[in-house]
Amino acid sequence: MEALVYEPREKSPEVKAPANGAAKTMKALVYHGPGKKSWEDKPKPGLTKPTDAIVKILKTTICGTDLHIMKGDLPEVADGRIIGHEGVGIVEEVGSAVSNFKKGDHVIISCVTSCGKCEYCKKGMYSHCADGGWILGYMIDGTQAEYVRIPHADNSLYPIPAGSDEEALVMLSDILPTGFECGVLNGQVKPGDIVAIVGSGPIGVAALLTAQFYSPAEIVMIDMDENRLNVAKTFGATHIINSANENAIETIMRLTNGRGVDVAIEAVGVPATFELCQEIIAPGGHIANIGVHGKSVTLHLETLWSRNITITTRLVDTVTTPLLLKTVQSKKIEPNKLITHHFRLDRVMEAYETFGNAAKEKALKVILTAD
């Protein structure tokens, strides 16, 4: 997920304690500045607008963007913020203006909040919604908690079909639409293309899965984690390159007879991987950035200016979530195979240690299950 920059807000401004004698506190994973987090009591959220819904979390997960937040790469995140923007749950309460959902409904939580009415939403750019966008677990409290408030619930939740695999559908909150929209669609992957995906983490593998909708001739995965590369091979990668052990640029040029790749998808978010994409792209190619960049990168216009290169950036809009839900339901793609570890929600601190040491722990995606 690519990050927008917002002005900092006060701590957890959206929280209201529920009325009618209901439990007023819950457990949540709380950010307290770079490198500081804790599992602690927080006020249970209440409705603040008639378009809100309160969702009881059943399953959630940790995203690479959450690690960026924890490292301090997104300094606008306030001390006291509940982290997380993915999950599935049960609707606990809805505001008076919510018409698509009711108490007891089983739902997917979108990582992007959409009012459905503003200029950007009408263009399908939900990520830039005038009263939403990516705010969940970023500018408002998120899903690594027992309950979460979802603004604009009618447009920011998706019903879960009966009998669905909940764990697979957690991947529809963020990583599948992100890999598809920001990587594959922005990269304009076409039949016969040679595609390189730099980064074989969950987002990179999501791009790998969805790139295959368009029958590229070859998909090359580049990473420094041998385990993740081997997993990518099972998901359809035609070539894997461990850039810790070999020169990725030389290998790509050898594979492509010196031409380079048609599409380079950056799925890490560090300067070195964006530089690599610039080095391996063929004339007329597309560089599609997905990674969350906390540091400046160098744009080599001195070599790219004459090569008809297109560079795209994007924050996921989640406009493809209904389409992707159908592909998951039909088992055309099986994102549950990305899951390597399971934890109870109250073991979220341990889950962060595992996910943050992915190479050592052989972690790809973790699932956190609430009681």
Protein backbone atom coordinates (compact mmCIF):
# COMPACT_ATOMS: atom_id res chain seq x y z
CA MET A 1 0.00 0.00 0.00
CA GLU A 2 1.42 3.38 -1.03
CA ALA A 3 1.09 6.08 1.64
CA LEU A 4 -0.58 9.47 1.46
CA VAL A 5 0.59 12.31 3.68
CA TYR A 6 -1.96 13.92 5.96
CA GLU A 7 -1.63 16.53 8.65
CA PRO A 8 -1.35 14.89 12.07
CA ARG A 9 -4.53 14.72 14.12
CA GLU A 10 -5.04 14.46 17.82
CA LYS A 11 -4.91 11.06 19.45
CA SER A 12 -7.79 8.74 18.51
CA PRO A 13 -10.29 11.59 17.89
CA GLU A 14 -13.00 9.24 16.66
CA VAL A 15 -13.42 7.16 19.83
CA LYS A 16 -16.65 7.41 21.80
CA ALA A 17 -17.55 5.06 24.61
CA PRO A 18 -20.72 3.04 23.91
CA ALA A 19 -23.88 3.75 25.81
CA ASN A 20 -26.52 1.53 27.45
CA GLY A 21 -24.15 -0.11 29.90
CA ALA A 22 -22.23 -2.07 27.25
CA ALA A 23 -18.58 -2.93 27.78
CA LYS A 24 -16.66 0.31 27.47
CA THR A 25 -13.16 -1.03 26.83
CA MET A 26 -11.46 -3.46 24.48
CA LYS A 27 -7.97 -4.73 23.80
CA ALA A 28 -5.98 -3.25 20.93
CA LEU A 29 -2.47 -2.98 19.47
CA VAL A 30 -1.42 0.65 20.02
CA TYR A 31 1.40 2.60 18.38
CA HIS A 32 3.43 4.88 20.68
CA GLY A 33 6.07 6.21 18.31
CA PRO A 34 8.86 4.55 16.30
CA GLY A 35 9.71 1.17 17.74
CA LYS A 36 7.10 1.43 20.48
CA LYS A 37 3.84 -0.49 20.61
CA SER A 38 1.73 -2.23 23.24
CA TRP A 39 -1.31 -4.48 23.65
CA GLU A 40 -3.51 -2.48 25.96
CA ASP A 41 -7.01 -1.40 26.97
CA LYS A 42 -8.64 1.24 24.79
CA PRO A 43 -12.16 2.66 24.71
CA LYS A 44 -14.48 0.53 22.61
CA PRO A 45 -15.48 2.65 19.59
CA GLY A 46 -18.99 3.97 19.18
CA LEU A 47 -20.92 5.47 16.28
CA THR A 48 -19.98 9.07 15.60
CA LYS A 49 -21.83 9.59 12.30
CA PRO A 50 -25.01 8.02 10.89
CA THR A 51 -22.94 6.45 8.08
CA ASP A 52 -20.70 4.52 10.54
CA ALA A 53 -20.71 0.85 11.47
CA ILE A 54 -19.04 -0.88 14.39
CA VAL A 55 -17.50 -4.24 13.44
CA LYS A 56 -16.38 -6.97 15.82
CA ILE A 57 -13.10 -8.31 14.45
CA LEU A 58 -12.95 -12.04 13.72
CA LYS A 59 -9.67 -12.18 11.79
CA THR A 60 -7.06 -9.58 10.91
CA THR A 61 -3.44 -9.51 9.80
CA ILE A 62 -0.26 -7.42 9.70
CA CYS A 63 0.78 -5.52 6.57
CA GLY A 64 4.21 -4.36 5.46
CA THR A 65 2.81 -0.84 5.75
CA ASP A 66 2.28 -1.48 9.48
CA LEU A 67 6.00 -2.25 9.73
CA HIS A 68 6.75 1.04 7.96
CA ILE A 69 4.59 2.83 10.55
CA MET A 70 6.39 1.07 13.40
CA LYS A 71 9.75 2.11 11.95
CA GLY A 72 8.65 5.76 11.87
CA ASP A 73 8.47 6.03 8.06
CA LEU A 74 5.01 7.62 8.38
CA PRO A 75 5.56 10.30 11.05
CA GLU A 76 2.03 11.67 10.68
CA VAL A 77 0.68 8.62 12.55
CA ALA A 78 -0.25 9.84 16.05
CA ASP A 79 0.93 8.40 19.34
CA GLY A 80 -1.96 6.31 20.64
CA ARG A 81 -3.22 5.15 17.25
CA ILE A 82 -4.61 1.62 16.92
CA ILE A 83 -2.84 0.09 13.93
CA GLY A 84 -4.21 -2.19 11.19
CA HIS A 85 -6.34 -1.80 8.06
CA GLU A 86 -7.31 -5.36 7.10
CA GLY A 87 -9.77 -7.90 8.39
CA VAL A 88 -13.12 -9.63 8.41
CA GLY A 89 -15.76 -9.42 11.10
CA ILE A 90 -19.37 -9.25 12.22
CA VAL A 91 -21.34 -6.02 12.16
CA GLU A 92 -22.14 -5.07 15.76
CA GLU A 93 -24.01 -1.81 15.19
CA VAL A 94 -24.89 0.48 12.29
CA GLY A 95 -25.75 4.16 12.02
CA SER A 96 -29.16 5.34 10.89
CA ALA A 97 -27.95 6.14 7.36
CA VAL A 98 -26.43 2.70 6.70
CA SER A 99 -28.70 0.76 4.34
CA ASN A 100 -26.55 -2.07 2.93
CA PHE A 101 -25.64 -3.73 6.22
CA LYS A 102 -27.27 -4.68 9.50
CA LYS A 103 -26.27 -6.11 12.86
CA GLY A 104 -24.96 -9.66 12.47
CA ASP A 105 -23.78 -9.33 8.86
CA HIS A 106 -20.49 -11.05 7.99
CA VAL A 107 -18.21 -8.53 6.21
CA ILE A 108 -14.83 -7.86 4.61
CA ILE A 109 -13.29 -4.58 5.78
CA SER A 110 -11.77 -2.53 2.98
CA CYS A 111 -8.46 -0.82 3.76
CA VAL A 112 -9.81 2.25 1.93
CA THR A 113 -12.76 4.33 3.19
CA SER A 114 -15.03 5.68 0.48
CA CYS A 115 -17.94 8.12 0.79
CA GLY A 116 -19.05 7.28 -2.75
CA LYS A 117 -20.20 10.84 -3.39
CA CYS A 118 -17.20 13.15 -3.72
CA GLU A 119 -15.43 14.07 -6.96
CA TYR A 120 -12.67 11.53 -6.45
CA CYS A 121 -15.03 8.68 -5.55
CA LYS A 122 -17.06 9.35 -8.68
CA LYS A 123 -13.84 8.90 -10.67
CA GLY A 124 -13.19 5.57 -8.94
CA MET A 125 -10.29 7.10 -6.99
CA TYR A 126 -11.54 5.96 -3.59
CA SER A 127 -8.04 6.32 -2.17
CA HIS A 128 -8.43 10.10 -2.47
CA CYS A 129 -11.96 10.29 -1.05
CA ALA A 130 -12.53 13.78 0.37
CA ASP A 131 -13.80 12.20 3.61
CA GLY A 132 -11.84 8.98 3.62
CA GLY A 133 -9.15 7.27 1.56
CA TRP A 134 -6.57 5.28 3.44
CA ILE A 135 -7.27 6.48 6.96
CA LEU A 136 -7.93 3.19 8.77
CA GLY A 137 -5.07 2.32 11.11
CA TYR A 138 -3.34 5.47 9.89
CA MET A 139 -5.35 8.60 10.68
CA ILE A 140 -8.15 6.83 12.59
CA ASP A 141 -8.05 3.71 14.75
CA GLY A 142 -7.72 0.44 12.90
CA THR A 143 -8.38 -3.28 12.92
CA GLN A 144 -5.75 -4.82 15.19
CA ALA A 145 -8.30 -4.62 17.98
CA GLU A 146 -11.41 -6.38 19.18
CA TYR A 147 -13.69 -3.77 17.57
CA VAL A 148 -13.31 -1.10 14.90
CA ARG A 149 -15.41 1.82 13.68
CA ILE A 150 -15.84 1.86 9.89
CA PRO A 151 -16.82 5.23 8.39
CA HIS A 152 -19.04 5.24 5.27
CA ALA A 153 -19.89 1.61 5.93
CA ASP A 154 -22.11 1.17 2.86
CA ASN A 155 -19.11 1.79 0.58
CA SER A 156 -16.30 0.52 2.81
CA LEU A 157 -17.52 -2.98 3.70
CA TYR A 158 -18.23 -5.98 1.46
CA PRO A 159 -20.64 -8.82 2.31
CA ILE A 160 -19.07 -12.25 2.74
CA PRO A 161 -20.85 -15.01 0.80
CA ALA A 162 -22.01 -17.96 2.91
CA GLY A 163 -19.46 -20.74 3.25
CA SER A 164 -16.48 -18.58 2.32
CA ASP A 165 -12.96 -19.09 3.62
CA GLU A 166 -12.55 -16.15 6.00
CA GLU A 167 -8.78 -16.32 5.99
CA ALA A 168 -8.62 -16.10 2.21
CA LEU A 169 -10.95 -13.10 2.26
CA VAL A 170 -8.70 -11.19 4.68
CA MET A 171 -6.38 -10.90 1.66
CA LEU A 172 -9.10 -8.92 -0.14
CA SER A 173 -8.88 -6.11 2.40
CA ASP A 174 -5.61 -4.87 0.94
CA ILE A 175 -2.92 -7.06 -0.60
CA LEU A 176 -4.82 -8.56 -3.55
CA PRO A 177 -6.37 -5.29 -4.79
CA THR A 178 -3.08 -3.48 -4.09
CA GLY A 179 -0.97 -5.92 -6.07
CA PHE A 180 -3.53 -5.99 -8.88
CA GLU A 181 -4.34 -2.28 -9.17
CA CYS A 182 -1.00 -0.67 -8.32
CA GLY A 183 1.17 -3.31 -9.94
CA VAL A 184 -0.60 -5.23 -12.69
CA LEU A 185 -3.15 -2.69 -13.95
CA ASN A 186 -0.81 0.31 -13.63
CA GLY A 187 1.96 -1.74 -15.23
CA GLN A 188 -0.38 -2.57 -18.13
CA VAL A 189 0.66 -6.22 -18.17
CA LYS A 190 -0.21 -7.80 -21.53
CA PRO A 191 -0.09 -11.27 -23.08
CA GLY A 192 3.49 -12.17 -23.99
CA ASP A 193 5.10 -9.60 -21.68
CA ILE A 194 8.18 -10.29 -19.60
CA VAL A 195 7.37 -9.05 -16.11
CA ALA A 196 9.81 -8.56 -13.23
CA ILE A 197 8.44 -8.17 -9.70
CA VAL A 198 11.01 -6.78 -7.29
CA GLY A 199 10.00 -8.00 -3.85
CA SER A 200 8.56 -11.43 -3.12
CA GLY A 201 6.64 -10.49 0.01
CA PRO A 202 2.82 -10.67 0.27
CA ILE A 203 2.24 -7.68 -2.04
CA GLY A 204 4.73 -8.94 -4.61
CA VAL A 205 3.11 -12.38 -4.59
CA ALA A 206 -0.33 -10.75 -4.92
CA ALA A 207 0.98 -9.02 -8.06
CA LEU A 208 2.37 -12.37 -9.25
CA LEU A 209 -1.00 -14.09 -8.80
CA THR A 210 -3.02 -11.41 -10.56
CA ALA A 211 -0.51 -10.77 -13.37
CA GLN A 212 -1.31 -14.26 -14.57
CA PHE A 213 -4.82 -13.08 -15.53
CA TYR A 214 -3.12 -11.51 -18.58
CA SER A 215 -0.91 -14.44 -19.69
CA PRO A 216 2.54 -12.81 -19.63
CA ALA A 217 5.24 -14.95 -21.21
CA GLU A 218 7.50 -14.83 -18.15
CA ILE A 219 7.30 -13.54 -14.59
CA VAL A 220 10.62 -13.04 -12.82
CA MET A 221 10.61 -12.63 -9.03
CA ILE A 222 13.57 -10.84 -7.41
CA ASP A 223 14.23 -10.89 -3.67
CA MET A 224 16.93 -11.60 -1.09
CA ASP A 225 14.81 -14.15 0.81
CA GLU A 226 15.27 -17.64 -0.63
CA ASN A 227 12.19 -19.01 1.13
CA ARG A 228 9.91 -16.33 -0.30
CA LEU A 229 11.37 -16.89 -3.76
CA ASN A 230 10.68 -20.61 -3.53
CA VAL A 231 7.10 -19.86 -2.48
CA ALA A 232 6.77 -17.52 -5.47
CA LYS A 233 7.88 -20.38 -7.73
CA THR A 234 4.94 -22.45 -6.50
CA PHE A 235 2.59 -19.55 -7.30
CA GLY A 236 3.65 -19.33 -10.94
CA ALA A 237 6.95 -17.44 -11.16
CA THR A 238 8.89 -18.67 -14.20
CA HIS A 239 12.26 -17.45 -12.87
CA ILE A 240 13.54 -16.46 -9.43
CA ILE A 241 16.58 -14.32 -8.71
CA ASN A 242 18.16 -14.05 -5.27
CA SER A 243 19.78 -10.62 -5.46
CA ALA A 244 21.83 -11.39 -2.35
CA ASN A 245 23.70 -14.08 -4.28
CA GLU A 246 23.73 -12.86 -7.87
CA ASN A 247 23.69 -9.65 -9.86
CA ALA A 248 20.01 -9.18 -10.66
CA ILE A 249 20.63 -6.71 -13.50
CA GLU A 250 23.07 -9.02 -15.29
CA THR A 251 20.74 -12.00 -14.84
CA ILE A 252 17.73 -10.10 -16.21
CA MET A 253 19.72 -8.91 -19.22
CA ARG A 254 20.90 -12.44 -19.86
CA LEU A 255 17.33 -13.76 -19.67
CA THR A 256 16.06 -11.08 -22.05
CA ASN A 257 18.98 -11.06 -24.53
CA GLY A 258 20.02 -7.62 -23.32
CA ARG A 259 16.62 -6.03 -23.88
CA GLY A 260 15.17 -5.73 -20.36
CA VAL A 261 11.65 -6.39 -19.11
CA ASP A 262 8.37 -4.98 -20.38
CA VAL A 263 7.00 -4.37 -16.89
CA ALA A 264 8.95 -3.82 -13.67
CA ILE A 265 6.84 -3.83 -10.48
CA GLU A 266 8.47 -2.33 -7.38
CA ALA A 267 6.99 -4.04 -4.31
CA VAL A 268 9.45 -3.23 -1.51
CA GLY A 269 9.66 0.52 -0.96
CA VAL A 270 13.39 1.22 -0.62
CA PRO A 271 15.67 3.25 -2.92
CA ALA A 272 17.70 0.24 -4.10
CA THR A 273 14.68 -1.62 -5.46
CA PHE A 274 13.37 1.41 -7.35
CA GLU A 275 16.86 1.90 -8.82
CA LEU A 276 16.84 -1.74 -9.90
CA CYS A 277 13.54 -1.27 -11.74
CA GLN A 278 15.05 1.63 -13.68
CA GLU A 279 18.06 -0.50 -14.65
CA ILE A 280 16.10 -3.47 -15.99
CA ILE A 281 13.22 -1.79 -17.87
CA ALA A 282 13.13 -2.16 -21.66
CA PRO A 283 12.36 0.73 -24.04
CA GLY A 284 8.62 1.34 -24.06
CA GLY A 285 8.24 -0.41 -20.72
CA HIS A 286 6.26 0.39 -17.58
CA ILE A 287 7.62 0.80 -14.06
CA ALA A 288 4.76 0.37 -11.59
CA ASN A 289 5.55 1.40 -8.03
CA ILE A 290 3.68 -0.28 -5.20
CA GLY A 291 6.12 0.06 -2.30
CA VAL A 292 5.72 2.55 0.55
CA HIS A 293 8.78 4.77 0.31
CA GLY A 294 9.99 6.42 3.49
CA LYS A 295 13.11 7.86 1.83
CA SER A 296 13.82 9.77 -1.36
CA VAL A 297 14.79 7.84 -4.48
CA THR A 298 16.80 8.98 -7.48
CA LEU A 299 15.02 9.27 -10.80
CA HIS A 300 17.52 8.66 -13.60
CA LEU A 301 16.05 10.86 -16.29
CA GLU A 302 19.52 11.16 -17.82
CA THR A 303 19.09 7.57 -19.05
CA LEU A 304 15.30 7.22 -19.17
CA TRP A 305 14.28 10.41 -20.98
CA SER A 306 14.63 8.95 -24.48
CA ARG A 307 13.36 5.42 -23.80
CA ASN A 308 9.56 5.91 -23.79
CA ILE A 309 9.31 4.71 -20.18
CA THR A 310 6.10 5.11 -18.19
CA ILE A 311 6.42 5.36 -14.38
CA THR A 312 3.27 5.07 -12.29
CA THR A 313 2.42 5.47 -8.63
CA ARG A 314 -0.87 4.65 -6.96
CA LEU A 315 -2.58 4.17 -3.66
CA VAL A 316 -4.93 1.22 -3.87
CA ASP A 317 -8.53 2.25 -4.63
CA THR A 318 -10.08 -1.19 -3.99
CA VAL A 319 -12.33 -0.74 -7.05
CA THR A 320 -11.40 -4.29 -8.09
CA THR A 321 -12.42 -5.95 -4.81
CA PRO A 322 -15.76 -7.31 -6.18
CA LEU A 323 -13.96 -8.77 -9.22
CA LEU A 324 -11.26 -10.33 -7.06
CA LEU A 325 -13.87 -11.74 -4.66
CA LYS A 326 -15.35 -13.66 -7.60
CA THR A 327 -11.95 -15.07 -8.58
CA VAL A 328 -11.32 -16.19 -4.99
CA GLN A 329 -14.79 -17.75 -4.73
CA SER A 330 -14.21 -19.68 -7.95
CA LYS A 331 -10.72 -20.70 -6.74
CA LYS A 332 -9.06 -19.17 -9.80
CA ILE A 333 -6.65 -17.76 -7.22
CA GLU A 334 -6.14 -19.15 -3.71
CA PRO A 335 -4.72 -16.40 -1.49
CA ASN A 336 -5.10 -18.54 1.64
CA LYS A 337 -1.90 -20.28 0.50
CA LEU A 338 -0.05 -17.06 1.38
CA ILE A 339 -0.75 -17.68 5.08
CA THR A 340 2.21 -19.15 6.93
CA HIS A 341 1.48 -18.38 10.59
CA HIS A 342 -1.56 -18.18 12.88
CA PHE A 343 -1.84 -16.34 16.20
CA ARG A 344 -4.57 -15.41 18.59
CA LEU A 345 -5.23 -11.69 18.47
CA ASP A 346 -3.94 -11.26 22.02
CA ARG A 347 -0.56 -12.59 20.78
CA VAL A 348 -0.20 -9.75 18.29
CA MET A 349 3.12 -8.63 19.81
CA GLU A 350 4.58 -12.07 19.09
CA ALA A 351 3.04 -11.96 15.60
CA TYR A 352 4.85 -8.68 14.89
CA GLU A 353 8.15 -10.27 15.90
CA THR A 354 7.51 -13.15 13.52
CA PHE A 355 6.37 -10.98 10.61
CA GLY A 356 9.18 -8.48 11.19
CA ASN A 357 11.74 -11.30 10.94
CA ALA A 358 10.23 -12.91 7.87
CA ALA A 359 13.41 -14.47 6.50
CA LYS A 360 14.31 -16.15 9.77
CA GLU A 361 10.74 -17.25 10.55
CA LYS A 362 9.83 -18.11 6.92
CA ALA A 363 6.81 -15.84 7.25
CA LEU A 364 4.71 -14.56 4.40
CA LYS A 365 1.31 -13.63 5.82
CA VAL A 366 0.09 -14.04 9.41
CA ILE A 367 -3.51 -14.39 10.54
CA LEU A 368 -4.66 -13.03 13.90
CA THR A 369 -7.86 -14.62 15.17
CA ALA A 370 -10.03 -13.02 17.83
CA ASP A 371 -11.86 -15.14 20.41
